[in-house]
């Protein structure tokens, strides 16, 4: 009736993309809220484009991992 074998690690699914995007948005909004209530954090984030730089670096890492060739499944 049910297959109890563990599934092989599959590809990236839509829900994975949505979860990662939601986490990134939550982190950015959380930092924005934190910088509103803590002036020192707001000053740090306002002096340099820290959030933008971080998002660019994370995007490059995700793209590099997505474009990396995968070994063939056995």
Protein backbone atom coordinates (compact mmCIF):
# COMPACT_ATOMS: atom_id res chain seq x y z
CA UNK A 1 0.00 0.00 0.00
CA UNK A 2 2.67 2.52 0.96
CA UNK A 3 6.26 2.65 -0.18
CA UNK A 4 8.42 2.96 2.95
CA UNK A 5 11.76 3.27 1.14
CA UNK A 6 13.52 6.58 1.66
CA UNK A 7 13.29 8.78 -1.38
CA UNK A 8 16.44 9.86 -3.14
CA UNK A 9 17.22 13.53 -2.82
CA UNK A 10 15.24 15.17 -5.57
CA UNK A 11 15.68 18.42 -7.39
CA UNK A 12 14.62 21.83 -6.29
CA UNK A 13 10.86 22.09 -6.07
CA UNK A 14 8.57 25.11 -6.11
CA UNK A 15 7.97 24.93 -2.37
CA UNK A 16 11.73 25.06 -1.70
CA UNK A 17 12.00 28.27 -3.71
CA UNK A 18 9.02 29.76 -1.88
CA UNK A 19 10.46 28.80 1.52
CA UNK A 20 13.87 30.31 0.75
CA UNK A 21 12.34 33.47 -0.69
CA UNK A 22 10.06 33.80 2.35
CA UNK A 23 13.01 33.37 4.70
CA UNK A 24 15.01 36.05 2.88
CA UNK A 25 12.09 38.48 2.96
CA UNK A 26 11.51 37.77 6.68
CA UNK A 27 15.18 38.39 7.47
CA UNK A 28 15.30 41.64 5.52
CA UNK A 29 12.06 42.90 7.09
CA UNK A 30 13.30 41.85 10.53
CA UNK A 31 16.51 43.80 10.05
CA UNK A 32 14.52 46.80 8.86
CA UNK A 33 12.32 46.62 11.96
CA UNK A 34 15.36 46.20 14.19
CA UNK A 35 17.06 49.19 12.61
CA UNK A 36 13.92 51.26 13.26
CA UNK A 37 13.98 50.54 17.00
CA UNK A 38 17.76 50.41 17.55
CA UNK A 39 19.43 53.53 16.16
CA UNK A 40 22.94 52.01 16.21
CA UNK A 41 21.82 49.21 13.91
CA UNK A 42 20.09 51.75 11.65
CA UNK A 43 23.30 53.79 11.48
CA UNK A 44 25.35 50.69 10.59
CA UNK A 45 22.93 49.58 7.89
CA UNK A 46 22.58 53.14 6.58
CA UNK A 47 26.30 53.86 6.18
CA UNK A 48 27.02 51.09 3.74
CA UNK A 49 24.63 49.09 1.59
CA UNK A 50 25.07 46.08 3.85
CA UNK A 51 21.74 44.44 3.08
CA UNK A 52 22.10 44.91 -0.67
CA UNK A 53 25.65 43.53 -0.62
CA UNK A 54 24.54 40.55 1.44
CA UNK A 55 21.67 39.82 -0.92
CA UNK A 56 24.01 40.00 -3.92
CA UNK A 57 26.51 37.61 -2.32
CA UNK A 58 23.79 35.14 -1.31
CA UNK A 59 22.28 35.32 -4.80
CA UNK A 60 25.66 34.56 -6.38
CA UNK A 61 26.17 31.58 -4.05
CA UNK A 62 22.71 30.20 -4.85
CA UNK A 63 23.26 30.64 -8.60
CA UNK A 64 26.68 28.99 -8.43
CA UNK A 65 25.23 25.99 -6.61
CA UNK A 66 22.29 25.76 -9.02
CA UNK A 67 24.54 25.85 -12.09
CA UNK A 68 27.08 23.36 -10.73
CA UNK A 69 26.91 20.08 -12.64
CA UNK A 70 25.48 17.21 -10.61
CA UNK A 71 26.99 13.73 -10.61
CA UNK A 72 24.82 11.19 -12.42
CA UNK A 73 22.41 9.21 -10.24
CA UNK A 74 23.38 5.61 -9.77
